């Protein structure tokens, strides 16, 4: 790429080969002059205020591609429920089309950034996003780049997608003889109702049972006929009297994991009864606003199968800092 430099005073009538950015603190950041703009005499003073003493005209080599053309090719990275916006100032942004769980191939992001002269920035994978939210951006660093580098990058397709949230019919089983006998008032239902509402879902079947393993097992089986997500609370510790985790297995569910490297939420259980996800929620969900439950609820409502690997990987970053002002999920807790 050849750059032909001319003084800004001599640029009247010339065509800008790239956007020229202007920043007004707390008011504006964007292109003051867009690529392709024909410079007018009245623009000269504005350009000088932006610190431009010279204007560069570009002459591309045969094996080079301009930043805007490269950006258009990068749009192929948008997968399901994601659209690409731009290029603007050489950058392509990837926007969520719906509320859902963001899924981004981190290995591919690393690969593209290792090519050189391409910068690809994303949010973490497997976190909830809102419709219209920017979840990634990509651009080339110089104004032009070797075509071979762009072609190497775009061999990777549909790197970013969003799995939409869909309502679920929730069955909630609260266990514990102290609750079943009325000695202690159940406080779990309001917690689960509040979290379910975030996903336009509600509790369709509710039952309080004692610590009887068979009674818990039978209720799981009953709920599986009318619910597509079952949550059990209480009885998740290692105490001999805590029979909830045993009852989940006895109901015929396949346990993905009992125990999670996440605090709060070490005694969390994930299982599947055929295709129905079952959560065993420890008591910490009563005492903390954000727990392991909030990390994995988006999986269920986006119909994403939870694997042992999903849980194990949360050990790194799985310690909640209990910030005075909670901004979850816009924080490090549970990110992979």
C-alpha atoms as a PDB file:
ATOM      1  CA  UNK A   1       0.000   0.000   0.000  1.00  0.00           C
ATOM      2  CA  UNK A   2       1.428   3.338  -1.039  1.00  0.00           C
ATOM      3  CA  UNK A   3       0.539   6.467   0.903  1.00  0.00           C
ATOM      4  CA  UNK A   4       0.633   9.755  -0.943  1.00  0.00           C
ATOM      5  CA  UNK A   5       0.885  12.629   1.533  1.00  0.00           C
ATOM      6  CA  UNK A   6      -0.446  16.075   0.703  1.00  0.00           C
ATOM      7  CA  UNK A   7      -0.842  19.118   2.991  1.00  0.00           C
ATOM      8  CA  UNK A   8      -4.370  19.520   4.288  1.00  0.00           C
ATOM      9  CA  UNK A   9      -4.505  23.022   2.719  1.00  0.00           C
ATOM     10  CA  UNK A  10      -4.181  21.375  -0.695  1.00  0.00           C
ATOM     11  CA  UNK A  11      -6.797  18.680  -0.083  1.00  0.00           C
ATOM     12  CA  UNK A  12      -9.856  20.520  -1.427  1.00  0.00           C
ATOM     13  CA  UNK A  13     -11.567  18.282  -3.965  1.00  0.00           C
ATOM     14  CA  UNK A  14      -9.733  15.135  -2.845  1.00  0.00           C
ATOM     15  CA  UNK A  15     -11.610  12.011  -1.753  1.00  0.00           C
ATOM     16  CA  UNK A  16     -10.977  10.649   1.740  1.00  0.00           C
ATOM     17  CA  UNK A  17      -9.850   6.997   1.634  1.00  0.00           C
ATOM     18  CA  UNK A  18     -10.909   6.345   5.266  1.00  0.00           C
ATOM     19  CA  UNK A  19     -13.096   7.709   8.057  1.00  0.00           C
ATOM     20  CA  UNK A  20     -11.669  10.495  10.208  1.00  0.00           C
ATOM     21  CA  UNK A  21     -12.730  10.117  13.824  1.00  0.00           C
ATOM     22  CA  UNK A  22     -13.772  12.909  16.157  1.00  0.00           C
ATOM     23  CA  UNK A  23     -14.085  12.582  19.931  1.00  0.00           C
ATOM     24  CA  UNK A  24     -15.968  15.085  22.076  1.00  0.00           C
ATOM     25  CA  UNK A  25     -15.668  13.871  25.701  1.00  0.00           C
ATOM     26  CA  UNK A  26     -19.003  12.633  27.107  1.00  0.00           C
ATOM     27  CA  UNK A  27     -20.848  13.809  23.970  1.00  0.00           C
ATOM     28  CA  UNK A  28     -19.718  12.156  20.772  1.00  0.00           C
ATOM     29  CA  UNK A  29     -17.356   9.609  19.291  1.00  0.00           C
ATOM     30  CA  UNK A  30     -17.606   8.771  15.618  1.00  0.00           C
ATOM     31  CA  UNK A  31     -16.638   9.778  12.122  1.00  0.00           C
ATOM     32  CA  UNK A  32     -16.456  13.521  11.542  1.00  0.00           C
ATOM     33  CA  UNK A  33     -15.802  12.729   7.889  1.00  0.00           C
ATOM     34  CA  UNK A  34     -16.745   9.452   6.257  1.00  0.00           C
ATOM     35  CA  UNK A  35     -14.711   7.456   3.795  1.00  0.00           C
ATOM     36  CA  UNK A  36     -15.473   8.729   0.278  1.00  0.00           C
ATOM     37  CA  UNK A  37     -16.172  12.280   1.460  1.00  0.00           C
ATOM     38  CA  UNK A  38     -15.039  14.940  -1.017  1.00  0.00           C
ATOM     39  CA  UNK A  39     -13.115  17.513   0.974  1.00  0.00           C
ATOM     40  CA  UNK A  40     -14.532  21.025   0.697  1.00  0.00           C
ATOM     41  CA  UNK A  41     -12.738  24.280   1.397  1.00  0.00           C
ATOM     42  CA  UNK A  42     -14.851  24.794   4.525  1.00  0.00           C
ATOM     43  CA  UNK A  43     -13.704  21.404   5.860  1.00  0.00           C
ATOM     44  CA  UNK A  44     -10.049  22.427   6.079  1.00  0.00           C
ATOM     45  CA  UNK A  45     -10.300  24.244   9.427  1.00  0.00           C
ATOM     46  CA  UNK A  46     -12.326  21.380  10.910  1.00  0.00           C
ATOM     47  CA  UNK A  47      -9.658  18.897   9.817  1.00  0.00           C
ATOM     48  CA  UNK A  48      -6.990  21.053  11.416  1.00  0.00           C
ATOM     49  CA  UNK A  49      -8.913  21.125  14.697  1.00  0.00           C
ATOM     50  CA  UNK A  50      -8.854  17.332  14.593  1.00  0.00           C
ATOM     51  CA  UNK A  51      -5.072  17.470  14.369  1.00  0.00           C
ATOM     52  CA  UNK A  52      -4.812  16.745  10.660  1.00  0.00           C
ATOM     53  CA  UNK A  53      -1.905  18.519   9.048  1.00  0.00           C
ATOM     54  CA  UNK A  54      -1.722  16.174   6.089  1.00  0.00           C
ATOM     55  CA  UNK A  55      -4.117  13.973   4.143  1.00  0.00           C
ATOM     56  CA  UNK A  56      -3.013  10.594   2.871  1.00  0.00           C
ATOM     57  CA  UNK A  57      -4.294   9.215  -0.392  1.00  0.00           C
ATOM     58  CA  UNK A  58      -3.983   5.460  -0.747  1.00  0.00           C
ATOM     59  CA  UNK A  59      -2.807   3.350  -3.622  1.00  0.00           C
ATOM     60  CA  UNK A  60      -3.376  -0.376  -2.946  1.00  0.00           C
ATOM     61  CA  UNK A  61      -1.165  -3.159  -4.210  1.00  0.00           C
ATOM     62  CA  UNK A  62      -2.796  -5.995  -6.177  1.00  0.00           C
ATOM     63  CA  UNK A  63      -2.619  -8.378  -3.208  1.00  0.00           C
ATOM     64  CA  UNK A  64      -4.158  -5.927  -0.724  1.00  0.00           C
ATOM     65  CA  UNK A  65      -7.698  -5.222   0.402  1.00  0.00           C
ATOM     66  CA  UNK A  66      -9.111  -2.040   1.957  1.00  0.00           C
ATOM     67  CA  UNK A  67     -10.429  -2.093   5.556  1.00  0.00           C
ATOM     68  CA  UNK A  68     -14.060  -1.655   4.500  1.00  0.00           C
ATOM     69  CA  UNK A  69     -13.891  -4.501   1.980  1.00  0.00           C
ATOM     70  CA  UNK A  70     -12.256  -6.705   4.604  1.00  0.00           C
ATOM     71  CA  UNK A  71     -15.023  -5.780   7.058  1.00  0.00           C
ATOM     72  CA  UNK A  72     -17.724  -6.878   4.624  1.00  0.00           C
ATOM     73  CA  UNK A  73     -16.080 -10.307   4.362  1.00  0.00           C
ATOM     74  CA  UNK A  74     -15.968 -10.655   8.149  1.00  0.00           C
ATOM     75  CA  UNK A  75     -19.769 -10.525   8.252  1.00  0.00           C
ATOM     76  CA  UNK A  76     -19.745 -14.289   7.632  1.00  0.00           C
ATOM     77  CA  UNK A  77     -18.834 -14.702  11.319  1.00  0.00           C
ATOM     78  CA  UNK A  78     -22.452 -13.905  12.274  1.00  0.00           C
ATOM     79  CA  UNK A  79     -24.351 -17.096  13.065  1.00  0.00           C
ATOM     80  CA  UNK A  80     -27.911 -17.758  14.228  1.00  0.00           C
ATOM     81  CA  UNK A  81     -29.748 -14.771  15.721  1.00  0.00           C
ATOM     82  CA  UNK A  82     -26.822 -12.400  15.137  1.00  0.00           C
ATOM     83  CA  UNK A  83     -26.539  -9.656  12.528  1.00  0.00           C
ATOM     84  CA  UNK A  84     -23.476  -7.705  11.417  1.00  0.00           C
ATOM     85  CA  UNK A  85     -23.554  -3.908  11.325  1.00  0.00           C
ATOM     86  CA  UNK A  86     -21.076  -1.719   9.440  1.00  0.00           C
ATOM     87  CA  UNK A  87     -18.445  -1.179   8.363  1.00  0.00           C
ATOM     88  CA  UNK A  88     -18.109   2.126  10.182  1.00  0.00           C
ATOM     89  CA  UNK A  89     -14.637   3.514  10.692  1.00  0.00           C
ATOM     90  CA  UNK A  90     -13.477   0.162   9.339  1.00  0.00           C
ATOM     91  CA  UNK A  91     -15.226  -1.796  12.116  1.00  0.00           C
ATOM     92  CA  UNK A  92     -17.924  -4.460  11.933  1.00  0.00           C
ATOM     93  CA  UNK A  93     -20.133  -4.955  15.003  1.00  0.00           C
ATOM     94  CA  UNK A  94     -22.120  -8.111  15.748  1.00  0.00           C
ATOM     95  CA  UNK A  95     -25.528  -7.530  17.346  1.00  0.00           C
ATOM     96  CA  UNK A  96     -27.898  -9.956  19.097  1.00  0.00           C
ATOM     97  CA  UNK A  97     -31.248 -10.324  17.317  1.00  0.00           C
ATOM     98  CA  UNK A  98     -32.984 -11.652  20.426  1.00  0.00           C
ATOM     99  CA  UNK A  99     -32.615 -12.259  24.145  1.00  0.00           C
ATOM    100  CA  UNK A 100     -30.644 -15.436  24.622  1.00  0.00           C
ATOM    101  CA  UNK A 101     -27.425 -17.227  25.503  1.00  0.00           C
ATOM    102  CA  UNK A 102     -24.360 -15.995  23.620  1.00  0.00           C
ATOM    103  CA  UNK A 103     -22.192 -18.746  22.167  1.00  0.00           C
ATOM    104  CA  UNK A 104     -18.765 -17.809  20.873  1.00  0.00           C
ATOM    105  CA  UNK A 105     -15.974 -20.108  19.785  1.00  0.00           C
ATOM    106  CA  UNK A 106     -13.083 -18.767  21.868  1.00  0.00           C
ATOM    107  CA  UNK A 107     -10.473 -20.941  20.139  1.00  0.00           C
ATOM    108  CA  UNK A 108     -11.440 -19.429  16.794  1.00  0.00           C
ATOM    109  CA  UNK A 109     -11.294 -15.912  18.238  1.00  0.00           C
ATOM    110  CA  UNK A 110      -7.740 -16.629  19.440  1.00  0.00           C
ATOM    111  CA  UNK A 111      -6.824 -18.060  16.041  1.00  0.00           C
ATOM    112  CA  UNK A 112      -8.028 -14.981  14.151  1.00  0.00           C
ATOM    113  CA  UNK A 113      -6.244 -12.604  16.511  1.00  0.00           C
ATOM    114  CA  UNK A 114      -3.034 -14.597  16.005  1.00  0.00           C
ATOM    115  CA  UNK A 115      -3.092 -13.985  12.223  1.00  0.00           C
ATOM    116  CA  UNK A 116      -1.862 -10.447  12.730  1.00  0.00           C
ATOM    117  CA  UNK A 117      -3.280  -7.044  11.772  1.00  0.00           C
ATOM    118  CA  UNK A 118      -6.818  -8.263  12.561  1.00  0.00           C
ATOM    119  CA  UNK A 119      -8.365  -7.498  15.950  1.00  0.00           C
ATOM    120  CA  UNK A 120     -11.432  -9.473  16.991  1.00  0.00           C
ATOM    121  CA  UNK A 121     -13.064  -8.578  20.327  1.00  0.00           C
ATOM    122  CA  UNK A 122     -16.013 -10.404  21.943  1.00  0.00           C
ATOM    123  CA  UNK A 123     -17.875 -10.809  25.209  1.00  0.00           C
ATOM    124  CA  UNK A 124     -17.523 -14.081  27.104  1.00  0.00           C
ATOM    125  CA  UNK A 125     -19.323 -17.106  25.776  1.00  0.00           C
ATOM    126  CA  UNK A 126     -22.319 -18.673  27.518  1.00  0.00           C
ATOM    127  CA  UNK A 127     -23.689 -15.569  29.178  1.00  0.00           C
ATOM    128  CA  UNK A 128     -27.164 -14.048  28.722  1.00  0.00           C
ATOM    129  CA  UNK A 129     -27.505 -11.145  26.295  1.00  0.00           C
ATOM    130  CA  UNK A 130     -30.324  -8.794  25.352  1.00  0.00           C
ATOM    131  CA  UNK A 131     -31.776  -8.100  21.923  1.00  0.00           C
ATOM    132  CA  UNK A 132     -29.830  -5.248  20.320  1.00  0.00           C
ATOM    133  CA  UNK A 133     -26.742  -5.790  22.487  1.00  0.00           C
ATOM    134  CA  UNK A 134     -23.329  -5.600  20.827  1.00  0.00           C
ATOM    135  CA  UNK A 135     -21.543  -8.886  21.494  1.00  0.00           C
ATOM    136  CA  UNK A 136     -18.455  -8.612  19.272  1.00  0.00           C
ATOM    137  CA  UNK A 137     -16.495  -6.324  16.972  1.00  0.00           C
ATOM    138  CA  UNK A 138     -13.778  -6.852  14.378  1.00  0.00           C
ATOM    139  CA  UNK A 139     -11.562  -4.678  12.228  1.00  0.00           C
ATOM    140  CA  UNK A 140      -8.143  -4.626  10.619  1.00  0.00           C
ATOM    141  CA  UNK A 141      -5.519  -2.406  12.219  1.00  0.00           C
ATOM    142  CA  UNK A 142      -4.010  -0.809   9.099  1.00  0.00           C
ATOM    143  CA  UNK A 143      -6.095   0.825   6.362  1.00  0.00           C
ATOM    144  CA  UNK A 144      -5.314  -2.110   4.072  1.00  0.00           C
ATOM    145  CA  UNK A 145      -4.224  -5.700   4.619  1.00  0.00           C
ATOM    146  CA  UNK A 146      -2.938  -8.628   2.602  1.00  0.00           C
ATOM    147  CA  UNK A 147      -5.873 -10.508   1.068  1.00  0.00           C
ATOM    148  CA  UNK A 148      -4.307 -13.796   2.177  1.00  0.00           C
ATOM    149  CA  UNK A 149      -4.749 -12.843   5.859  1.00  0.00           C
ATOM    150  CA  UNK A 150      -8.416 -12.041   5.405  1.00  0.00           C
ATOM    151  CA  UNK A 151      -9.017 -15.256   3.464  1.00  0.00           C
ATOM    152  CA  UNK A 152      -7.321 -17.241   6.235  1.00  0.00           C
ATOM    153  CA  UNK A 153      -9.677 -15.671   8.785  1.00  0.00           C
ATOM    154  CA  UNK A 154     -12.936 -16.088   6.887  1.00  0.00           C
ATOM    155  CA  UNK A 155     -12.447 -19.813   6.456  1.00  0.00           C
ATOM    156  CA  UNK A 156     -14.048 -19.840   9.889  1.00  0.00           C
ATOM    157  CA  UNK A 157     -17.814 -19.345   9.561  1.00  0.00           C
ATOM    158  CA  UNK A 158     -20.602 -18.442  11.979  1.00  0.00           C
ATOM    159  CA  UNK A 159     -18.368 -18.024  15.018  1.00  0.00           C
ATOM    160  CA  UNK A 160     -20.942 -16.055  17.020  1.00  0.00           C
ATOM    161  CA  UNK A 161     -24.536 -17.071  17.679  1.00  0.00           C
ATOM    162  CA  UNK A 162     -27.314 -16.547  20.191  1.00  0.00           C
ATOM    163  CA  UNK A 163     -29.591 -19.339  21.380  1.00  0.00           C
ATOM    164  CA  UNK A 164     -32.962 -17.699  22.131  1.00  0.00           C
ATOM    165  CA  UNK A 165     -34.624 -17.973  25.515  1.00  0.00           C
ATOM    166  CA  UNK A 166     -37.948 -19.801  25.545  1.00  0.00           C
ATOM    167  CA  UNK A 167     -40.422 -20.145  28.431  1.00  0.00           C
ATOM    168  CA  UNK A 168     -40.434 -23.363  30.453  1.00  0.00           C
ATOM    169  CA  UNK A 169     -43.095 -25.046  32.563  1.00  0.00           C
ATOM    170  CA  UNK A 170     -41.353 -25.338  35.911  1.00  0.00           C
ATOM    171  CA  UNK A 171     -42.034 -27.899  38.593  1.00  0.00           C
ATOM    172  CA  UNK A 172     -40.709 -26.910  42.026  1.00  0.00           C
ATOM    173  CA  UNK A 173     -40.238 -29.420  44.836  1.00  0.00           C
ATOM    174  CA  UNK A 174     -39.256 -27.992  48.216  1.00  0.00           C
ATOM    175  CA  UNK A 175     -37.919 -30.697  50.525  1.00  0.00           C
ATOM    176  CA  UNK A 176     -37.379 -30.848  54.253  1.00  0.00           C
ATOM    177  CA  UNK A 177     -39.441 -32.154  57.169  1.00  0.00           C
ATOM    178  CA  UNK A 178     -39.157 -28.817  58.969  1.00  0.00           C
ATOM    179  CA  UNK A 179     -40.884 -27.100  56.028  1.00  0.00           C
ATOM    180  CA  UNK A 180     -43.380 -29.911  55.381  1.00  0.00           C
ATOM    181  CA  UNK A 181     -44.446 -29.853  59.043  1.00  0.00           C
ATOM    182  CA  UNK A 182     -45.009 -26.105  58.959  1.00  0.00           C
ATOM    183  CA  UNK A 183     -42.350 -25.343  61.576  1.00  0.00           C
ATOM    184  CA  UNK A 184     -40.465 -23.287  59.020  1.00  0.00           C
ATOM    185  CA  UNK A 185     -42.101 -21.239  56.267  1.00  0.00           C
ATOM    186  CA  UNK A 186     -40.943 -22.010  52.746  1.00  0.00           C
ATOM    187  CA  UNK A 187     -38.844 -19.163  51.359  1.00  0.00           C
ATOM    188  CA  UNK A 188     -37.620 -20.879  48.209  1.00  0.00           C
ATOM    189  CA  UNK A 189     -40.701 -20.411  46.053  1.00  0.00           C
ATOM    190  CA  UNK A 190     -40.477 -16.580  45.883  1.00  0.00           C
ATOM    191  CA  UNK A 191     -36.784 -16.869  44.957  1.00  0.00           C
ATOM    192  CA  UNK A 192     -37.443 -19.274  42.098  1.00  0.00           C
ATOM    193  CA  UNK A 193     -40.488 -17.307  40.913  1.00  0.00           C
ATOM    194  CA  UNK A 194     -38.440 -14.121  40.709  1.00  0.00           C
ATOM    195  CA  UNK A 195     -35.694 -15.776  38.660  1.00  0.00           C
ATOM    196  CA  UNK A 196     -38.175 -17.606  36.400  1.00  0.00           C
ATOM    197  CA  UNK A 197     -39.917 -14.324  35.589  1.00  0.00           C
ATOM    198  CA  UNK A 198     -36.706 -13.066  33.966  1.00  0.00           C
ATOM    199  CA  UNK A 199     -37.221 -15.780  31.351  1.00  0.00           C
ATOM    200  CA  UNK A 200     -40.988 -15.266  30.961  1.00  0.00           C
ATOM    201  CA  UNK A 201     -41.595 -18.529  32.815  1.00  0.00           C
ATOM    202  CA  UNK A 202     -43.558 -19.544  35.882  1.00  0.00           C
ATOM    203  CA  UNK A 203     -43.971 -22.384  38.357  1.00  0.00           C
ATOM    204  CA  UNK A 204     -46.709 -24.655  37.013  1.00  0.00           C
ATOM    205  CA  UNK A 205     -46.572 -27.296  39.727  1.00  0.00           C
ATOM    206  CA  UNK A 206     -45.454 -26.847  43.346  1.00  0.00           C
ATOM    207  CA  UNK A 207     -45.064 -29.389  46.128  1.00  0.00           C
ATOM    208  CA  UNK A 208     -43.560 -29.396  49.615  1.00  0.00           C
ATOM    209  CA  UNK A 209     -42.425 -32.840  50.770  1.00  0.00           C
ATOM    210  CA  UNK A 210     -40.537 -34.166  53.769  1.00  0.00           C
ATOM    211  CA  UNK A 211     -37.180 -35.907  53.734  1.00  0.00           C
ATOM    212  CA  UNK A 212     -38.693 -39.197  52.584  1.00  0.00           C
ATOM    213  CA  UNK A 213     -36.690 -40.459  49.612  1.00  0.00           C
ATOM    214  CA  UNK A 214     -39.591 -42.338  48.004  1.00  0.00           C
ATOM    215  CA  UNK A 215     -41.978 -39.414  48.351  1.00  0.00           C
ATOM    216  CA  UNK A 216     -39.471 -37.093  46.661  1.00  0.00           C
ATOM    217  CA  UNK A 217     -38.817 -39.633  43.907  1.00  0.00           C
ATOM    218  CA  UNK A 218     -42.528 -40.137  43.240  1.00  0.00           C
ATOM    219  CA  UNK A 219     -43.100 -36.385  43.001  1.00  0.00           C
ATOM    220  CA  UNK A 220     -40.283 -36.027  40.473  1.00  0.00           C
ATOM    221  CA  UNK A 221     -41.881 -38.699  38.307  1.00  0.00           C
ATOM    222  CA  UNK A 222     -45.329 -37.055  38.578  1.00  0.00           C
ATOM    223  CA  UNK A 223     -43.985 -33.630  37.626  1.00  0.00           C
ATOM    224  CA  UNK A 224     -42.139 -35.047  34.631  1.00  0.00           C
ATOM    225  CA  UNK A 225     -45.519 -35.729  33.004  1.00  0.00           C
ATOM    226  CA  UNK A 226     -46.522 -32.038  32.911  1.00  0.00           C
ATOM    227  CA  UNK A 227     -43.337 -29.991  33.430  1.00  0.00           C
ATOM    228  CA  UNK A 228     -40.305 -29.550  31.213  1.00  0.00           C
ATOM    229  CA  UNK A 229     -37.958 -28.313  33.956  1.00  0.00           C
ATOM    230  CA  UNK A 230     -37.849 -29.535  37.555  1.00  0.00           C
ATOM    231  CA  UNK A 231     -36.121 -27.763  40.428  1.00  0.00           C
ATOM    232  CA  UNK A 232     -35.619 -29.330  43.849  1.00  0.00           C
ATOM    233  CA  UNK A 233     -34.489 -27.331  46.870  1.00  0.00           C
ATOM    234  CA  UNK A 234     -33.083 -28.553  50.158  1.00  0.00           C
ATOM    235  CA  UNK A 235     -31.516 -31.872  51.093  1.00  0.00           C
ATOM    236  CA  UNK A 236     -28.461 -31.334  48.890  1.00  0.00           C
ATOM    237  CA  UNK A 237     -25.677 -31.618  51.493  1.00  0.00           C
ATOM    238  CA  UNK A 238     -23.729 -34.737  52.496  1.00  0.00           C
ATOM    239  CA  UNK A 239     -25.742 -35.223  55.693  1.00  0.00           C
ATOM    240  CA  UNK A 240     -27.285 -38.719  55.916  1.00  0.00           C
ATOM    241  CA  UNK A 241     -30.755 -37.173  56.338  1.00  0.00           C
ATOM    242  CA  UNK A 242     -30.445 -35.227  53.085  1.00  0.00           C
ATOM    243  CA  UNK A 243     -32.069 -37.590  50.603  1.00  0.00           C
ATOM    244  CA  UNK A 244     -32.940 -35.267  47.694  1.00  0.00           C
ATOM    245  CA  UNK A 245     -29.868 -36.135  45.636  1.00  0.00           C
ATOM    246  CA  UNK A 246     -30.525 -39.857  46.117  1.00  0.00           C
ATOM    247  CA  UNK A 247     -34.185 -39.456  45.144  1.00  0.00           C
ATOM    248  CA  UNK A 248     -33.180 -37.725  41.886  1.00  0.00           C
ATOM    249  CA  UNK A 249     -31.105 -40.753  40.932  1.00  0.00           C
ATOM    250  CA  UNK A 250     -33.834 -43.187  42.025  1.00  0.00           C
ATOM    251  CA  UNK A 251     -36.318 -41.374  39.774  1.00  0.00           C
ATOM    252  CA  UNK A 252     -34.252 -42.595  36.824  1.00  0.00           C
ATOM    253  CA  UNK A 253     -32.450 -39.347  36.097  1.00  0.00           C
ATOM    254  CA  UNK A 254     -28.951 -39.316  34.621  1.00  0.00           C
ATOM    255  CA  UNK A 255     -26.769 -37.205  36.871  1.00  0.00           C
ATOM    256  CA  UNK A 256     -24.398 -34.900  35.011  1.00  0.00           C
ATOM    257  CA  UNK A 257     -22.755 -33.621  38.164  1.00  0.00           C
ATOM    258  CA  UNK A 258     -23.228 -33.474  41.899  1.00  0.00           C
ATOM    259  CA  UNK A 259     -20.963 -30.737  43.136  1.00  0.00           C
ATOM    260  CA  UNK A 260     -19.769 -27.637  41.299  1.00  0.00           C
ATOM    261  CA  UNK A 261     -16.513 -25.678  41.686  1.00  0.00           C
ATOM    262  CA  UNK A 262     -18.528 -22.509  42.277  1.00  0.00           C
ATOM    263  CA  UNK A 263     -19.074 -20.397  45.364  1.00  0.00           C
ATOM    264  CA  UNK A 264     -21.804 -19.930  46.362  1.00  0.00           C
ATOM    265  CA  UNK A 265     -23.214 -23.224  45.136  1.00  0.00           C
ATOM    266  CA  UNK A 266     -20.798 -26.118  45.746  1.00  0.00           C
ATOM    267  CA  UNK A 267     -23.587 -28.645  46.423  1.00  0.00           C
ATOM    268  CA  UNK A 268     -25.396 -28.033  43.136  1.00  0.00           C
ATOM    269  CA  UNK A 269     -26.723 -31.000  41.146  1.00  0.00           C
ATOM    270  CA  UNK A 270     -27.601 -31.202  37.457  1.00  0.00           C
ATOM    271  CA  UNK A 271     -29.415 -34.220  36.036  1.00  0.00           C
ATOM    272  CA  UNK A 272     -31.661 -35.141  33.121  1.00  0.00           C
ATOM    273  CA  UNK A 273     -34.763 -37.318  33.228  1.00  0.00           C
ATOM    274  CA  UNK A 274     -34.885 -38.171  29.545  1.00  0.00           C
ATOM    275  CA  UNK A 275     -34.826 -34.652  28.077  1.00  0.00           C
ATOM    276  CA  UNK A 276     -36.092 -32.846  31.192  1.00  0.00           C
ATOM    277  CA  UNK A 277     -33.402 -30.911  33.083  1.00  0.00           C
ATOM    278  CA  UNK A 278     -33.430 -31.309  36.861  1.00  0.00           C
ATOM    279  CA  UNK A 279     -31.624 -28.960  39.237  1.00  0.00           C
ATOM    280  CA  UNK A 280     -30.837 -29.768  42.855  1.00  0.00           C
ATOM    281  CA  UNK A 281     -30.383 -26.324  44.401  1.00  0.00           C
ATOM    282  CA  UNK A 282     -28.447 -25.906  47.664  1.00  0.00           C
ATOM    283  CA  UNK A 283     -29.603 -23.651  50.489  1.00  0.00           C
ATOM    284  CA  UNK A 284     -27.160 -20.880  49.534  1.00  0.00           C
ATOM    285  CA  UNK A 285     -29.718 -19.702  46.944  1.00  0.00           C
ATOM    286  CA  UNK A 286     -31.787 -18.409  49.872  1.00  0.00           C
ATOM    287  CA  UNK A 287     -29.021 -16.292  51.309  1.00  0.00           C
ATOM    288  CA  UNK A 288     -27.235 -14.883  48.258  1.00  0.00           C
ATOM    289  CA  UNK A 289     -28.748 -12.911  45.398  1.00  0.00           C
ATOM    290  CA  UNK A 290     -26.487 -14.534  42.783  1.00  0.00           C
ATOM    291  CA  UNK A 291     -25.327 -18.156  42.959  1.00  0.00           C
ATOM    292  CA  UNK A 292     -24.549 -21.160  40.794  1.00  0.00           C
ATOM    293  CA  UNK A 293     -28.253 -21.213  39.900  1.00  0.00           C
ATOM    294  CA  UNK A 294     -27.972 -17.940  37.968  1.00  0.00           C
ATOM    295  CA  UNK A 295     -25.053 -19.266  35.938  1.00  0.00           C
ATOM    296  CA  UNK A 296     -26.929 -22.319  34.671  1.00  0.00           C
ATOM    297  CA  UNK A 297     -30.536 -21.129  34.373  1.00  0.00           C
ATOM    298  CA  UNK A 298     -29.724 -19.477  30.993  1.00  0.00           C
ATOM    299  CA  UNK A 299     -28.634 -22.881  29.689  1.00  0.00           C
ATOM    300  CA  UNK A 300     -32.012 -24.404  30.432  1.00  0.00           C
ATOM    301  CA  UNK A 301     -34.063 -21.545  28.982  1.00  0.00           C
ATOM    302  CA  UNK A 302     -31.943 -21.515  25.810  1.00  0.00           C
ATOM    303  CA  UNK A 303     -32.313 -25.288  25.466  1.00  0.00           C
ATOM    304  CA  UNK A 304     -28.557 -25.772  25.826  1.00  0.00           C
ATOM    305  CA  UNK A 305     -27.540 -29.170  27.181  1.00  0.00           C
ATOM    306  CA  UNK A 306     -25.391 -28.820  30.287  1.00  0.00           C
ATOM    307  CA  UNK A 307     -22.299 -31.000  30.282  1.00  0.00           C
ATOM    308  CA  UNK A 308     -19.790 -31.957  32.962  1.00  0.00           C
ATOM    309  CA  UNK A 309     -17.251 -29.790  31.121  1.00  0.00           C
ATOM    310  CA  UNK A 310     -19.481 -26.725  31.396  1.00  0.00           C
ATOM    311  CA  UNK A 311     -19.503 -27.158  35.154  1.00  0.00           C
ATOM    312  CA  UNK A 312     -15.829 -28.037  35.620  1.00  0.00           C
ATOM    313  CA  UNK A 313     -14.649 -25.018  33.636  1.00  0.00           C
ATOM    314  CA  UNK A 314     -16.414 -22.691  36.076  1.00  0.00           C
ATOM    315  CA  UNK A 315     -13.809 -23.394  38.744  1.00  0.00           C
ATOM    316  CA  UNK A 316     -11.663 -20.660  37.199  1.00  0.00           C
ATOM    317  CA  UNK A 317     -13.697 -17.508  37.836  1.00  0.00           C
ATOM    318  CA  UNK A 318     -16.361 -19.315  39.857  1.00  0.00           C
ATOM    319  CA  UNK A 319     -15.810 -17.373  43.079  1.00  0.00           C
ATOM    320  CA  UNK A 320     -18.396 -14.615  43.586  1.00  0.00           C
ATOM    321  CA  UNK A 321     -16.883 -11.483  45.130  1.00  0.00           C
ATOM    322  CA  UNK A 322     -20.203 -10.358  46.661  1.00  0.00           C
ATOM    323  CA  UNK A 323     -19.772  -6.809  45.430  1.00  0.00           C
ATOM    324  CA  UNK A 324     -21.653  -4.105  47.293  1.00  0.00           C
ATOM    325  CA  UNK A 325     -23.419  -3.211  44.030  1.00  0.00           C
ATOM    326  CA  UNK A 326     -24.101  -6.367  42.018  1.00  0.00           C
ATOM    327  CA  UNK A 327     -23.861  -6.023  38.232  1.00  0.00           C
ATOM    328  CA  UNK A 328     -24.177  -9.719  37.329  1.00  0.00           C
ATOM    329  CA  UNK A 329     -23.989 -10.933  34.553  1.00  0.00           C
ATOM    330  CA  UNK A 330     -21.760  -7.981  33.585  1.00  0.00           C
ATOM    331  CA  UNK A 331     -18.973  -9.215  35.846  1.00  0.00           C
ATOM    332  CA  UNK A 332     -16.369 -11.973  36.052  1.00  0.00           C
ATOM    333  CA  UNK A 333     -18.445 -14.449  38.093  1.00  0.00           C
ATOM    334  CA  UNK A 334     -18.816 -17.771  36.287  1.00  0.00           C
ATOM    335  CA  UNK A 335     -17.381 -16.613  32.961  1.00  0.00           C
ATOM    336  CA  UNK A 336     -15.593 -19.002  30.598  1.00  0.00           C
END
